[in-house]
Structures are given as structure tokens and as C-alpha cells.
Amino acid sequence: MTNREFYQSVIALSDASAEVNVAEISAKAQELLEKLDASNAKRTSADSKQKKEVSARRDVVFSALTSEPMTADAIAEKCGVTIGQARSALTAFVKDERAIKAEVKIGKTRKMVYSLPSEE
């Protein structure tokens, strides 16, 4: 039974005059549920692997932070990660109040710098 046939059979259930093979519909529904479960399990395991990589990268970026302000570019270079990865981690740290973000003027441009919060 194809997906189209399955859906047409389900629709036909509401039509009392239509002949419907309930066993076939149940078998197809079970097959679709198993595919859905397998897909969800695969996605969950892939997510956890990705989350571990992000967590490890954030640990590296956090270890590079000091009380001296540094740009995201400098932190990325120091950690061996991309600038985007460093900015993502730094943004999360600022949101969690584990780091401080400030704007400074370097030459003619304004740059964002990050540092650890001062201990008072």
C-alpha cells in the first residue's frame, strides 16, 4: 500500500458505502509509525553528537577569555575556531553573564570586545 492509497483509505473510512481493508490500513499505519520512530531516533543521536561538539568548542573559547578585553577575531584565532563559532559562544556567555561585551574604538572602526567579568 502506498502512502496515497493509505490516505485515500483513511478518508474512505468516513464514507459508509466504501469498502475498506482495515487490516491493510493498520499495517500501513504501523509501517509509517516505525519509519517515524527510526527517523526521530536518528535525529536525536545526531543532535547529541553536534551538541557535544558545540559544548567542547564553547569550553575552548571560554578558557581563552581573560580579564583583558579581546575581539572575537583574536579569540577565534587563539582557539583555532572560526570567527562565527567564537561569536556564537561569546554571545551565549554574555547572555548567561559569564562574559562582558563592550564596544571600543580601534583606529577608525568600532569593535566589540569580550572579557571575563571583574570579581568584586
Protein backbone atom coordinates (compact mmCIF):
# COMPACT_ATOMS: atom_id res chain seq x y z
CA MET A 1 0.00 0.00 0.00
CA THR A 2 1.41 3.38 -0.98
CA ASN A 3 1.07 6.49 1.15
CA ARG A 4 -1.52 7.82 -1.31
CA GLU A 5 -3.58 4.64 -1.04
CA PHE A 6 -3.28 4.77 2.74
CA TYR A 7 -4.54 8.35 2.95
CA GLN A 8 -7.35 7.63 0.49
CA SER A 9 -8.37 4.64 2.61
CA VAL A 10 -8.41 6.74 5.75
CA ILE A 11 -10.61 9.29 4.00
CA ALA A 12 -12.83 6.48 2.76
CA LEU A 13 -13.42 5.36 6.35
CA SER A 14 -15.82 8.27 6.72
CA ASP A 15 -17.80 7.05 3.69
CA ALA A 16 -20.02 4.20 4.89
CA SER A 17 -20.55 2.85 1.37
CA ALA A 18 -16.82 2.41 0.60
CA GLU A 19 -15.11 -0.95 1.03
CA VAL A 20 -12.02 -0.58 3.20
CA ASN A 21 -9.46 -3.19 4.21
CA VAL A 22 -8.88 -2.27 7.85
CA ALA A 23 -6.05 -4.78 8.29
CA GLU A 24 -4.15 -3.24 5.39
CA ILE A 25 -4.67 0.27 6.78
CA SER A 26 -3.43 -0.83 10.20
CA ALA A 27 -0.35 -2.47 8.68
CA LYS A 28 0.47 0.68 6.70
CA ALA A 29 -0.06 2.89 9.76
CA GLN A 30 2.30 0.65 11.77
CA GLU A 31 4.91 0.84 8.98
CA LEU A 32 4.70 4.65 8.89
CA LEU A 33 5.00 4.86 12.67
CA GLU A 34 8.11 2.66 12.64
CA LYS A 35 9.68 4.87 9.96
CA LEU A 36 8.84 7.95 12.03
CA ASP A 37 10.36 6.41 15.18
CA ALA A 38 13.53 5.45 13.29
CA SER A 39 13.84 8.94 11.84
CA ASN A 40 13.36 10.55 15.27
CA ALA A 41 15.93 8.24 16.87
CA LYS A 42 18.47 9.06 14.16
CA ARG A 43 17.89 12.79 14.56
CA THR A 44 18.25 12.58 18.35
CA SER A 45 21.60 10.80 18.16
CA ALA A 46 22.87 13.29 15.56
CA ASP A 47 21.76 16.20 17.74
CA SER A 48 23.59 14.87 20.77
CA LYS A 49 26.82 14.48 18.76
CA GLN A 50 26.50 18.04 17.47
CA LYS A 51 25.70 19.36 20.95
CA LYS A 52 28.84 17.68 22.32
CA GLU A 53 30.95 19.35 19.63
CA VAL A 54 29.42 22.76 20.35
CA SER A 55 29.90 22.28 24.08
CA ALA A 56 33.56 21.32 23.63
CA ARG A 57 34.12 24.33 21.36
CA ARG A 58 32.48 26.65 23.91
CA ASP A 59 34.76 25.28 26.63
CA VAL A 60 37.79 26.12 24.49
CA VAL A 61 36.51 29.64 23.79
CA PHE A 62 35.69 30.25 27.46
CA SER A 63 39.16 29.13 28.51
CA ALA A 64 40.63 31.78 26.20
CA LEU A 65 38.73 34.60 27.91
CA THR A 66 40.69 36.73 30.37
CA SER A 67 40.08 39.96 32.23
CA GLU A 68 41.76 41.74 29.30
CA PRO A 69 39.27 42.66 26.56
CA MET A 70 39.76 40.78 23.28
CA THR A 71 37.93 40.90 19.96
CA ALA A 72 36.07 37.84 18.69
CA ASP A 73 38.63 37.64 15.86
CA ALA A 74 41.52 37.41 18.33
CA ILE A 75 39.73 34.82 20.46
CA ALA A 76 38.89 32.74 17.39
CA GLU A 77 42.50 32.81 16.24
CA LYS A 78 43.75 31.92 19.72
CA CYS A 79 41.33 28.96 19.97
CA GLY A 80 41.62 27.69 16.42
CA VAL A 81 37.89 28.06 15.69
CA THR A 82 36.06 30.13 13.10
CA ILE A 83 35.02 33.68 13.91
CA GLY A 84 31.36 32.67 13.67
CA GLN A 85 31.86 29.83 16.14
CA ALA A 86 33.67 32.16 18.53
CA ARG A 87 30.98 34.84 18.25
CA SER A 88 28.25 32.28 18.84
CA ALA A 89 29.96 31.05 22.01
CA LEU A 90 30.72 34.58 23.20
CA THR A 91 27.12 35.68 22.65
CA ALA A 92 25.93 32.75 24.78
CA PHE A 93 28.44 33.67 27.52
CA VAL A 94 27.28 37.29 27.54
CA LYS A 95 23.64 36.17 27.72
CA ASP A 96 24.50 33.88 30.66
CA GLU A 97 26.50 36.74 32.26
CA ARG A 98 29.68 34.67 32.16
CA ALA A 99 31.38 37.31 29.97
CA ILE A 100 31.20 41.05 29.38
CA LYS A 101 30.78 42.65 25.97
CA ALA A 102 31.89 46.22 25.30
CA GLU A 103 32.36 48.43 22.29
CA VAL A 104 35.77 50.07 21.77
CA LYS A 105 37.21 52.23 19.06
CA ILE A 106 40.23 50.71 17.35
CA GLY A 107 41.62 53.12 14.81
CA LYS A 108 38.69 54.46 12.83
CA THR A 109 36.45 51.46 13.44
CA ARG A 110 34.41 50.36 16.41
CA LYS A 111 34.86 46.78 17.55
CA MET A 112 33.18 44.60 20.12
CA VAL A 113 35.48 43.17 22.78
CA TYR A 114 34.83 40.43 25.29
CA SER A 115 36.30 39.73 28.71
CA LEU A 116 35.56 37.93 31.95
CA PRO A 117 33.52 39.89 34.47
CA SER A 118 35.57 41.52 37.18
CA GLU A 119 35.36 39.87 40.58
CA GLU A 120 34.17 42.33 43.19
